[in-house]
Amino acid sequence: MKPSLIILAAGMASRYGSMKQVEGFGPSGETIMDYSIYDAIRAGFGKVVFIIRKEFAENFKTIFEPKLKGKIETEYVYQSMDSYTGGYQAAAERTKPWGTAHAVLCAKEVVKEPFAVINADDFYGRNAFENAAAFLNTGCSNERYAIVGYDLTRTLSDHGTVNRGVCGLDAEGNLATITERINIWKKEGKIVCEDGLEPAELSVDTRVSMNFWCFDPSFFSYTQQLFTDFLQAHGQELKSEFFIPIVADKFIQEGGKVEIIPTTSLWFGVTYKEDAPFVQDSLNKLITAGEYPNKLW
């Protein structure tokens, strides 16, 4: 059974200021998602599942169905506040859904095979998808998940600070912790993190999470239980979010293993509007190098 790819595309990008998930960056108007899906097809994935808001559904389908028909199976899943809450009543003032782990949980009915999870607006690279597919096909189990670990130096922006999930390793080189560090940038040749936490300077060989995960389908039942517990503890907080690292952390605490999959791929994404020309330039360089055709579909 071929692995599936879940794309988290329900969020609107406040810092970027537009619906960047469907903005064209490639020479033929390709979105960043197009490149991820193209790489996933090359790596042997059999299905792509878009997690979106219901009001975006027609927009998404109009864009992606003509391109992908006959190339890969597609599913559309809607993340809403009351999905998989068991009838839990959130605070009346709350308007946003419950975060990335909740978004993945919304795909429970359409994904029955090992799967990867990515962000819609990040470019991950061919090698990352190939390595993820290899893990999903041979190494994934209900006791072993994985995350693709990127070199921090390859994920910084020239246009402002970034937030990154910094990976801590155990003695075997597996994931031990993910610490969300904020306000990371290059300063006088060093990588500094101005968030009041230690260390204030990060090593150049630091591995970070760009939210590219690999899971066994047992993730869904495990996450459902943790989400129920999360709602009881934090459900009345207006901005509480149930993130994938919360699930991974609990999984590790309970004896599970999360491998860190290395990759030679260059990550890039659009955090700020000023990043857009860099993304376009990076794609053009990859096309010139023969990594992608001038027109994907």
C-alpha atoms as a PDB file:
ATOM      1  CA  MET A   1       0.000   0.000   0.000  1.00  0.00           C
ATOM      2  CA  LYS A   2       1.487   3.338  -1.044  1.00  0.00           C
ATOM      3  CA  PRO A   3       1.924   5.992   1.660  1.00  0.00           C
ATOM      4  CA  SER A   4      -0.261   9.103   1.717  1.00  0.00           C
ATOM      5  CA  LEU A   5       0.664  12.770   2.004  1.00  0.00           C
ATOM      6  CA  ILE A   6      -1.362  15.080   4.250  1.00  0.00           C
ATOM      7  CA  ILE A   7      -0.969  18.786   3.461  1.00  0.00           C
ATOM      8  CA  LEU A   8      -1.902  21.270   6.193  1.00  0.00           C
ATOM      9  CA  ALA A   9      -3.539  24.111   4.300  1.00  0.00           C
ATOM     10  CA  ALA A  10      -6.322  25.320   6.595  1.00  0.00           C
ATOM     11  CA  GLY A  11      -4.442  28.296   8.030  1.00  0.00           C
ATOM     12  CA  MET A  12      -4.488  31.815   6.700  1.00  0.00           C
ATOM     13  CA  ALA A  13      -1.087  33.465   6.894  1.00  0.00           C
ATOM     14  CA  SER A  14      -1.214  36.520   9.097  1.00  0.00           C
ATOM     15  CA  ARG A  15       2.426  37.566   8.625  1.00  0.00           C
ATOM     16  CA  TYR A  16       2.392  37.074   4.892  1.00  0.00           C
ATOM     17  CA  GLY A  17      -0.886  38.906   4.413  1.00  0.00           C
ATOM     18  CA  SER A  18      -2.592  36.765   1.789  1.00  0.00           C
ATOM     19  CA  MET A  19      -3.665  33.235   1.080  1.00  0.00           C
ATOM     20  CA  LYS A  20      -0.154  32.172   0.157  1.00  0.00           C
ATOM     21  CA  GLN A  21      -1.054  28.489  -0.157  1.00  0.00           C
ATOM     22  CA  VAL A  22      -2.514  29.113  -3.617  1.00  0.00           C
ATOM     23  CA  GLU A  23      -0.119  31.791  -4.815  1.00  0.00           C
ATOM     24  CA  GLY A  24       1.921  30.931  -7.886  1.00  0.00           C
ATOM     25  CA  PHE A  25       5.724  30.990  -7.505  1.00  0.00           C
ATOM     26  CA  GLY A  26       6.841  28.683 -10.332  1.00  0.00           C
ATOM     27  CA  PRO A  27       7.401  29.857 -13.916  1.00  0.00           C
ATOM     28  CA  SER A  28       4.056  28.394 -15.004  1.00  0.00           C
ATOM     29  CA  GLY A  29       2.166  29.623 -11.945  1.00  0.00           C
ATOM     30  CA  GLU A  30       2.912  26.585  -9.769  1.00  0.00           C
ATOM     31  CA  THR A  31       2.227  26.887  -6.052  1.00  0.00           C
ATOM     32  CA  ILE A  32       4.732  25.660  -3.489  1.00  0.00           C
ATOM     33  CA  MET A  33       2.289  22.793  -2.895  1.00  0.00           C
ATOM     34  CA  ASP A  34       2.595  21.758  -6.538  1.00  0.00           C
ATOM     35  CA  TYR A  35       6.295  21.069  -6.049  1.00  0.00           C
ATOM     36  CA  SER A  36       5.625  19.054  -2.893  1.00  0.00           C
ATOM     37  CA  ILE A  37       2.987  16.972  -4.654  1.00  0.00           C
ATOM     38  CA  TYR A  38       5.252  16.481  -7.686  1.00  0.00           C
ATOM     39  CA  ASP A  39       8.069  15.281  -5.398  1.00  0.00           C
ATOM     40  CA  ALA A  40       5.663  13.013  -3.507  1.00  0.00           C
ATOM     41  CA  ILE A  41       4.468  11.378  -6.736  1.00  0.00           C
ATOM     42  CA  ARG A  42       8.095  10.810  -7.807  1.00  0.00           C
ATOM     43  CA  ALA A  43       8.843   9.272  -4.412  1.00  0.00           C
ATOM     44  CA  GLY A  44       5.951   6.812  -4.678  1.00  0.00           C
ATOM     45  CA  PHE A  45       3.150   8.364  -2.621  1.00  0.00           C
ATOM     46  CA  GLY A  46      -0.300   7.230  -3.721  1.00  0.00           C
ATOM     47  CA  LYS A  47      -2.661   9.849  -2.315  1.00  0.00           C
ATOM     48  CA  VAL A  48      -2.641  13.508  -1.296  1.00  0.00           C
ATOM     49  CA  VAL A  49      -5.034  14.728   1.396  1.00  0.00           C
ATOM     50  CA  PHE A  50      -5.657  18.467   1.650  1.00  0.00           C
ATOM     51  CA  ILE A  51      -6.694  19.738   5.078  1.00  0.00           C
ATOM     52  CA  ILE A  52      -8.557  22.959   4.313  1.00  0.00           C
ATOM     53  CA  ARG A  53     -11.347  25.189   5.519  1.00  0.00           C
ATOM     54  CA  LYS A  54     -14.677  24.362   3.966  1.00  0.00           C
ATOM     55  CA  GLU A  55     -15.025  27.858   2.499  1.00  0.00           C
ATOM     56  CA  PHE A  56     -11.812  27.304   0.495  1.00  0.00           C
ATOM     57  CA  ALA A  57     -12.930  23.962  -0.956  1.00  0.00           C
ATOM     58  CA  GLU A  58     -14.126  25.098  -4.384  1.00  0.00           C
ATOM     59  CA  ASN A  59     -11.079  27.331  -4.814  1.00  0.00           C
ATOM     60  CA  PHE A  60      -8.752  24.437  -4.026  1.00  0.00           C
ATOM     61  CA  LYS A  61     -10.521  21.915  -6.211  1.00  0.00           C
ATOM     62  CA  THR A  62     -10.619  24.296  -9.169  1.00  0.00           C
ATOM     63  CA  ILE A  63      -6.848  24.765  -8.890  1.00  0.00           C
ATOM     64  CA  PHE A  64      -5.715  21.215  -8.161  1.00  0.00           C
ATOM     65  CA  GLU A  65      -8.170  18.759  -9.704  1.00  0.00           C
ATOM     66  CA  PRO A  66      -7.342  19.506 -13.371  1.00  0.00           C
ATOM     67  CA  LYS A  67      -3.597  19.214 -12.652  1.00  0.00           C
ATOM     68  CA  LEU A  68      -3.676  16.062 -10.547  1.00  0.00           C
ATOM     69  CA  LYS A  69      -6.358  13.972 -12.228  1.00  0.00           C
ATOM     70  CA  GLY A  70      -4.889  10.617 -13.210  1.00  0.00           C
ATOM     71  CA  LYS A  71      -1.588  11.359 -11.457  1.00  0.00           C
ATOM     72  CA  ILE A  72      -2.434  10.831  -7.783  1.00  0.00           C
ATOM     73  CA  GLU A  73      -5.567  10.194  -5.740  1.00  0.00           C
ATOM     74  CA  THR A  74      -6.929  13.285  -3.954  1.00  0.00           C
ATOM     75  CA  GLU A  75      -9.038  13.804  -0.837  1.00  0.00           C
ATOM     76  CA  TYR A  76     -10.296  17.008   0.796  1.00  0.00           C
ATOM     77  CA  VAL A  77     -10.814  17.185   4.550  1.00  0.00           C
ATOM     78  CA  TYR A  78     -12.286  20.142   6.405  1.00  0.00           C
ATOM     79  CA  GLN A  79     -10.903  21.256   9.757  1.00  0.00           C
ATOM     80  CA  SER A  80     -13.548  22.953  11.864  1.00  0.00           C
ATOM     81  CA  MET A  81     -13.756  23.841  15.540  1.00  0.00           C
ATOM     82  CA  ASP A  82     -16.098  20.987  16.400  1.00  0.00           C
ATOM     83  CA  SER A  83     -14.283  18.218  14.462  1.00  0.00           C
ATOM     84  CA  TYR A  84     -13.464  15.223  16.689  1.00  0.00           C
ATOM     85  CA  THR A  85     -14.278  17.128  19.893  1.00  0.00           C
ATOM     86  CA  GLY A  86     -16.852  14.609  21.087  1.00  0.00           C
ATOM     87  CA  GLY A  87     -19.335  17.436  21.556  1.00  0.00           C
ATOM     88  CA  TYR A  88     -17.025  19.469  23.792  1.00  0.00           C
ATOM     89  CA  GLN A  89     -18.253  23.060  24.151  1.00  0.00           C
ATOM     90  CA  ALA A  90     -15.446  25.549  23.599  1.00  0.00           C
ATOM     91  CA  ALA A  91     -15.584  29.103  24.897  1.00  0.00           C
ATOM     92  CA  ALA A  92     -18.113  31.104  22.874  1.00  0.00           C
ATOM     93  CA  GLU A  93     -15.457  33.696  21.937  1.00  0.00           C
ATOM     94  CA  ARG A  94     -13.114  31.160  20.368  1.00  0.00           C
ATOM     95  CA  THR A  95     -12.964  31.397  16.574  1.00  0.00           C
ATOM     96  CA  LYS A  96      -9.970  29.322  15.415  1.00  0.00           C
ATOM     97  CA  PRO A  97      -9.581  25.506  15.276  1.00  0.00           C
ATOM     98  CA  TRP A  98      -7.273  23.610  17.572  1.00  0.00           C
ATOM     99  CA  GLY A  99      -3.888  23.446  15.824  1.00  0.00           C
ATOM    100  CA  THR A 100      -1.834  21.100  13.677  1.00  0.00           C
ATOM    101  CA  ALA A 101      -2.377  17.788  15.515  1.00  0.00           C
ATOM    102  CA  HIS A 102      -6.126  18.447  15.442  1.00  0.00           C
ATOM    103  CA  ALA A 103      -5.862  19.175  11.709  1.00  0.00           C
ATOM    104  CA  VAL A 104      -4.194  15.791  11.087  1.00  0.00           C
ATOM    105  CA  LEU A 105      -6.820  14.067  13.228  1.00  0.00           C
ATOM    106  CA  CYS A 106      -9.456  15.381  10.811  1.00  0.00           C
ATOM    107  CA  ALA A 107      -8.027  13.011   8.144  1.00  0.00           C
ATOM    108  CA  LYS A 108      -8.751   9.935  10.253  1.00  0.00           C
ATOM    109  CA  GLU A 109     -11.516   8.602   7.998  1.00  0.00           C
ATOM    110  CA  VAL A 110      -9.616   8.869   4.711  1.00  0.00           C
ATOM    111  CA  VAL A 111      -6.097   7.705   5.689  1.00  0.00           C
ATOM    112  CA  LYS A 112      -5.592   4.049   6.610  1.00  0.00           C
ATOM    113  CA  GLU A 113      -1.941   3.682   5.546  1.00  0.00           C
ATOM    114  CA  PRO A 114       1.399   5.144   6.709  1.00  0.00           C
ATOM    115  CA  PHE A 115       1.482   8.836   5.903  1.00  0.00           C
ATOM    116  CA  ALA A 116       3.555  12.001   5.912  1.00  0.00           C
ATOM    117  CA  VAL A 117       2.419  15.453   7.052  1.00  0.00           C
ATOM    118  CA  ILE A 118       3.713  18.747   5.636  1.00  0.00           C
ATOM    119  CA  ASN A 119       2.860  22.442   5.630  1.00  0.00           C
ATOM    120  CA  ALA A 120       1.267  23.875   2.488  1.00  0.00           C
ATOM    121  CA  ASP A 121       3.593  26.863   2.264  1.00  0.00           C
ATOM    122  CA  ASP A 122       6.991  25.215   2.771  1.00  0.00           C
ATOM    123  CA  PHE A 123       9.251  23.808   0.063  1.00  0.00           C
ATOM    124  CA  TYR A 124      10.852  20.590   1.314  1.00  0.00           C
ATOM    125  CA  GLY A 125      12.789  19.185  -1.657  1.00  0.00           C
ATOM    126  CA  ARG A 126      12.991  15.925  -3.579  1.00  0.00           C
ATOM    127  CA  ASN A 127      15.488  14.188  -1.285  1.00  0.00           C
ATOM    128  CA  ALA A 128      13.290  14.820   1.756  1.00  0.00           C
ATOM    129  CA  PHE A 129      10.324  13.090   0.096  1.00  0.00           C
ATOM    130  CA  GLU A 130      12.446  10.166  -1.083  1.00  0.00           C
ATOM    131  CA  ASN A 131      13.848   9.613   2.418  1.00  0.00           C
ATOM    132  CA  ALA A 132      10.418   9.984   3.999  1.00  0.00           C
ATOM    133  CA  ALA A 133       8.906   7.456   1.562  1.00  0.00           C
ATOM    134  CA  ALA A 134      11.680   4.965   2.332  1.00  0.00           C
ATOM    135  CA  PHE A 135      10.900   5.237   6.049  1.00  0.00           C
ATOM    136  CA  LEU A 136       7.140   4.970   5.552  1.00  0.00           C
ATOM    137  CA  ASN A 137       7.563   1.877   3.367  1.00  0.00           C
ATOM    138  CA  THR A 138      10.006   0.003   5.600  1.00  0.00           C
ATOM    139  CA  GLY A 139      10.560   1.551   9.038  1.00  0.00           C
ATOM    140  CA  CYS A 140       7.260   2.966  10.210  1.00  0.00           C
ATOM    141  CA  SER A 141       5.208   1.196  12.903  1.00  0.00           C
ATOM    142  CA  ASN A 142       2.942   1.898  15.862  1.00  0.00           C
ATOM    143  CA  GLU A 143       6.128   2.129  17.948  1.00  0.00           C
ATOM    144  CA  ARG A 144       8.258   4.151  15.515  1.00  0.00           C
ATOM    145  CA  TYR A 145       7.426   7.471  13.871  1.00  0.00           C
ATOM    146  CA  ALA A 146       9.836   9.956  12.253  1.00  0.00           C
ATOM    147  CA  ILE A 147      10.530  13.582  11.516  1.00  0.00           C
ATOM    148  CA  VAL A 148      12.630  15.062   8.716  1.00  0.00           C
ATOM    149  CA  GLY A 149      15.392  17.104  10.351  1.00  0.00           C
ATOM    150  CA  TYR A 150      16.704  20.145   8.468  1.00  0.00           C
ATOM    151  CA  ASP A 151      19.930  22.046   9.102  1.00  0.00           C
ATOM    152  CA  LEU A 152      18.962  25.243  10.916  1.00  0.00           C
ATOM    153  CA  THR A 153      21.326  27.293   8.737  1.00  0.00           C
ATOM    154  CA  ARG A 154      19.282  26.291   5.672  1.00  0.00           C
ATOM    155  CA  THR A 155      16.000  27.552   7.145  1.00  0.00           C
ATOM    156  CA  LEU A 156      16.710  31.162   8.119  1.00  0.00           C
ATOM    157  CA  SER A 157      15.234  34.270   6.480  1.00  0.00           C
ATOM    158  CA  ASP A 158      17.128  37.369   5.387  1.00  0.00           C
ATOM    159  CA  HIS A 159      14.040  39.472   6.052  1.00  0.00           C
ATOM    160  CA  GLY A 160      13.364  38.967   9.740  1.00  0.00           C
ATOM    161  CA  THR A 161      13.445  36.533  12.610  1.00  0.00           C
ATOM    162  CA  VAL A 162      11.979  33.026  12.390  1.00  0.00           C
ATOM    163  CA  ASN A 163      10.548  30.556  14.885  1.00  0.00           C
ATOM    164  CA  ARG A 164      11.814  26.987  14.718  1.00  0.00           C
ATOM    165  CA  GLY A 165      11.266  23.720  16.548  1.00  0.00           C
ATOM    166  CA  VAL A 166      14.794  22.852  17.688  1.00  0.00           C
ATOM    167  CA  CYS A 167      15.388  19.096  17.881  1.00  0.00           C
ATOM    168  CA  GLY A 168      17.093  17.577  20.899  1.00  0.00           C
ATOM    169  CA  LEU A 169      18.570  14.079  20.370  1.00  0.00           C
ATOM    170  CA  ASP A 170      18.721  11.067  22.655  1.00  0.00           C
ATOM    171  CA  ALA A 171      21.760   8.768  22.993  1.00  0.00           C
ATOM    172  CA  GLU A 172      20.683   6.778  19.917  1.00  0.00           C
ATOM    173  CA  GLY A 173      20.271   9.882  17.778  1.00  0.00           C
ATOM    174  CA  ASN A 174      16.478   9.757  17.826  1.00  0.00           C
ATOM    175  CA  LEU A 175      14.304  12.707  18.701  1.00  0.00           C
ATOM    176  CA  ALA A 176      14.227  13.429  22.446  1.00  0.00           C
ATOM    177  CA  THR A 177      12.603  16.875  22.505  1.00  0.00           C
ATOM    178  CA  ILE A 178      11.365  19.650  20.261  1.00  0.00           C
ATOM    179  CA  THR A 179      11.758  23.074  21.812  1.00  0.00           C
ATOM    180  CA  GLU A 180       9.949  25.928  20.114  1.00  0.00           C
ATOM    181  CA  ARG A 181      12.478  28.758  19.866  1.00  0.00           C
ATOM    182  CA  ILE A 182      11.417  32.176  18.639  1.00  0.00           C
ATOM    183  CA  ASN A 183      13.193  35.229  17.201  1.00  0.00           C
ATOM    184  CA  ILE A 184      16.062  33.321  15.552  1.00  0.00           C
ATOM    185  CA  TRP A 185      18.298  35.259  13.172  1.00  0.00           C
ATOM    186  CA  LYS A 186      21.867  35.710  11.974  1.00  0.00           C
ATOM    187  CA  LYS A 187      23.774  38.376  13.872  1.00  0.00           C
ATOM    188  CA  GLU A 188      27.462  39.141  13.363  1.00  0.00           C
ATOM    189  CA  GLY A 189      28.142  35.703  11.916  1.00  0.00           C
ATOM    190  CA  LYS A 190      26.341  33.843  14.701  1.00  0.00           C
ATOM    191  CA  ILE A 191      22.871  32.324  14.956  1.00  0.00           C
ATOM    192  CA  VAL A 192      21.181  33.946  17.936  1.00  0.00           C
ATOM    193  CA  CYS A 193      17.841  33.286  19.536  1.00  0.00           C
ATOM    194  CA  GLU A 194      16.383  36.264  21.355  1.00  0.00           C
ATOM    195  CA  ASP A 195      13.639  34.626  23.373  1.00  0.00           C
ATOM    196  CA  GLY A 196      15.120  34.629  26.876  1.00  0.00           C
ATOM    197  CA  LEU A 197      15.845  30.890  26.799  1.00  0.00           C
ATOM    198  CA  GLU A 198      19.208  29.138  26.873  1.00  0.00           C
ATOM    199  CA  PRO A 199      21.278  28.646  24.861  1.00  0.00           C
ATOM    200  CA  ALA A 200      21.033  32.145  23.420  1.00  0.00           C
ATOM    201  CA  GLU A 201      23.351  31.127  20.561  1.00  0.00           C
ATOM    202  CA  LEU A 202      22.493  28.055  18.497  1.00  0.00           C
ATOM    203  CA  SER A 203      25.067  25.743  16.945  1.00  0.00           C
ATOM    204  CA  VAL A 204      25.419  25.707  13.163  1.00  0.00           C
ATOM    205  CA  ASP A 205      24.749  21.945  13.153  1.00  0.00           C
ATOM    206  CA  THR A 206      21.411  22.292  14.961  1.00  0.00           C
ATOM    207  CA  ARG A 207      18.606  20.204  13.442  1.00  0.00           C
ATOM    208  CA  VAL A 208      15.145  21.740  13.293  1.00  0.00           C
ATOM    209  CA  SER A 209      11.634  20.598  12.539  1.00  0.00           C
ATOM    210  CA  MET A 210       9.918  22.152   9.546  1.00  0.00           C
ATOM    211  CA  ASN A 211       6.780  20.152  10.330  1.00  0.00           C
ATOM    212  CA  PHE A 212       7.536  17.240   7.968  1.00  0.00           C
ATOM    213  CA  TRP A 213       6.412  14.171   9.929  1.00  0.00           C
ATOM    214  CA  CYS A 214       5.985  10.472   9.156  1.00  0.00           C
ATOM    215  CA  PHE A 215       3.353   8.472  11.016  1.00  0.00           C
ATOM    216  CA  ASP A 216       1.788   5.050  11.237  1.00  0.00           C
ATOM    217  CA  PRO A 217      -2.051   5.104  11.064  1.00  0.00           C
ATOM    218  CA  SER A 218      -2.067   4.227  14.799  1.00  0.00           C
ATOM    219  CA  PHE A 219      -1.346   7.962  15.200  1.00  0.00           C
ATOM    220  CA  PHE A 220      -5.056   8.704  14.817  1.00  0.00           C
ATOM    221  CA  SER A 221      -6.408   6.716  17.763  1.00  0.00           C
ATOM    222  CA  TYR A 222      -3.449   7.785  19.913  1.00  0.00           C
ATOM    223  CA  THR A 223      -3.996  11.448  19.017  1.00  0.00           C
ATOM    224  CA  GLN A 224      -7.752  11.252  19.571  1.00  0.00           C
ATOM    225  CA  GLN A 225      -7.201  10.250  23.203  1.00  0.00           C
ATOM    226  CA  LEU A 226      -4.614  12.970  23.757  1.00  0.00           C
ATOM    227  CA  PHE A 227      -6.922  15.540  22.147  1.00  0.00           C
ATOM    228  CA  THR A 228      -9.740  14.580  24.506  1.00  0.00           C
ATOM    229  CA  ASP A 229      -7.357  15.092  27.446  1.00  0.00           C
ATOM    230  CA  PHE A 230      -6.142  18.382  25.945  1.00  0.00           C
ATOM    231  CA  LEU A 231      -9.659  19.761  25.700  1.00  0.00           C
ATOM    232  CA  GLN A 232     -10.354  18.958  29.333  1.00  0.00           C
ATOM    233  CA  ALA A 233      -7.159  20.746  30.394  1.00  0.00           C
ATOM    234  CA  HIS A 234      -7.003  23.665  27.938  1.00  0.00           C
ATOM    235  CA  GLY A 235     -10.285  23.777  26.012  1.00  0.00           C
ATOM    236  CA  GLN A 236     -11.521  27.002  27.612  1.00  0.00           C
ATOM    237  CA  GLU A 237      -8.351  28.926  26.759  1.00  0.00           C
ATOM    238  CA  LEU A 238      -9.080  31.127  23.749  1.00  0.00           C
ATOM    239  CA  LYS A 239      -5.711  30.603  22.055  1.00  0.00           C
ATOM    240  CA  SER A 240      -4.742  27.094  23.181  1.00  0.00           C
ATOM    241  CA  GLU A 241      -3.493  24.900  20.329  1.00  0.00           C
ATOM    242  CA  PHE A 242      -2.960  21.171  20.063  1.00  0.00           C
ATOM    243  CA  PHE A 243       0.283  20.897  18.081  1.00  0.00           C
ATOM    244  CA  ILE A 244       1.898  17.793  16.546  1.00  0.00           C
ATOM    245  CA  PRO A 245       4.983  18.137  18.837  1.00  0.00           C
ATOM    246  CA  ILE A 246       2.651  17.724  21.851  1.00  0.00           C
ATOM    247  CA  VAL A 247       1.683  14.304  20.494  1.00  0.00           C
ATOM    248  CA  ALA A 248       5.275  13.395  19.574  1.00  0.00           C
ATOM    249  CA  ASP A 249       6.517  14.411  23.024  1.00  0.00           C
ATOM    250  CA  LYS A 250       3.945  12.218  24.783  1.00  0.00           C
ATOM    251  CA  PHE A 251       4.695   9.344  22.405  1.00  0.00           C
ATOM    252  CA  ILE A 252       8.404   9.558  23.280  1.00  0.00           C
ATOM    253  CA  GLN A 253       7.676   9.789  27.022  1.00  0.00           C
ATOM    254  CA  GLU A 254       5.652   6.576  26.767  1.00  0.00           C
ATOM    255  CA  GLY A 255       8.473   4.654  25.093  1.00  0.00           C
ATOM    256  CA  GLY A 256       7.882   5.300  21.408  1.00  0.00           C
ATOM    257  CA  LYS A 257      10.719   6.237  19.058  1.00  0.00           C
ATOM    258  CA  VAL A 258      10.779   9.165  16.638  1.00  0.00           C
ATOM    259  CA  GLU A 259      13.614   8.856  14.144  1.00  0.00           C
ATOM    260  CA  ILE A 260      15.232  11.966  12.720  1.00  0.00           C
ATOM    261  CA  ILE A 261      15.417  11.466   8.956  1.00  0.00           C
ATOM    262  CA  PRO A 262      18.355  13.388   7.473  1.00  0.00           C
ATOM    263  CA  THR A 263      17.997  15.247   4.206  1.00  0.00           C
ATOM    264  CA  THR A 264      20.281  17.055   1.794  1.00  0.00           C
ATOM    265  CA  SER A 265      17.326  19.127   0.571  1.00  0.00           C
ATOM    266  CA  LEU A 266      17.280  22.875   0.889  1.00  0.00           C
ATOM    267  CA  TRP A 267      14.164  24.105   2.693  1.00  0.00           C
ATOM    268  CA  PHE A 268      12.598  27.421   1.861  1.00  0.00           C
ATOM    269  CA  GLY A 269       9.288  29.037   2.625  1.00  0.00           C
ATOM    270  CA  VAL A 270       7.347  32.245   2.560  1.00  0.00           C
ATOM    271  CA  THR A 271       7.181  33.777   6.000  1.00  0.00           C
ATOM    272  CA  TYR A 272       7.335  37.390   4.833  1.00  0.00           C
ATOM    273  CA  LYS A 273       6.243  38.986   1.558  1.00  0.00           C
ATOM    274  CA  GLU A 274       9.916  39.880   1.017  1.00  0.00           C
ATOM    275  CA  ASP A 275      10.727  36.159   0.891  1.00  0.00           C
ATOM    276  CA  ALA A 276       8.735  35.685  -2.332  1.00  0.00           C
ATOM    277  CA  PRO A 277      11.513  36.742  -4.771  1.00  0.00           C
ATOM    278  CA  PHE A 278      13.942  34.393  -2.999  1.00  0.00           C
ATOM    279  CA  VAL A 279      11.479  31.519  -3.384  1.00  0.00           C
ATOM    280  CA  GLN A 280      11.026  32.268  -7.077  1.00  0.00           C
ATOM    281  CA  ASP A 281      14.786  32.528  -7.584  1.00  0.00           C
ATOM    282  CA  SER A 282      15.406  29.269  -5.701  1.00  0.00           C
ATOM    283  CA  LEU A 283      12.844  27.438  -7.831  1.00  0.00           C
ATOM    284  CA  ASN A 284      14.362  28.838 -11.020  1.00  0.00           C
ATOM    285  CA  LYS A 285      17.805  27.600  -9.966  1.00  0.00           C
ATOM    286  CA  LEU A 286      16.439  24.096  -9.324  1.00  0.00           C
ATOM    287  CA  ILE A 287      14.719  24.132 -12.731  1.00  0.00           C
ATOM    288  CA  THR A 288      17.940  25.277 -14.423  1.00  0.00           C
ATOM    289  CA  ALA A 289      19.796  22.458 -12.645  1.00  0.00           C
ATOM    290  CA  GLY A 290      17.321  19.936 -14.088  1.00  0.00           C
ATOM    291  CA  GLU A 291      15.658  19.093 -10.776  1.00  0.00           C
ATOM    292  CA  TYR A 292      12.212  20.104 -12.073  1.00  0.00           C
ATOM    293  CA  PRO A 293      10.709  20.712 -15.519  1.00  0.00           C
ATOM    294  CA  ASN A 294       9.798  24.265 -16.516  1.00  0.00           C
ATOM    295  CA  LYS A 295       6.131  23.258 -16.360  1.00  0.00           C
ATOM    296  CA  LEU A 296       5.248  20.638 -13.755  1.00  0.00           C
ATOM    297  CA  TRP A 297       1.926  19.375 -15.056  1.00  0.00           C
END
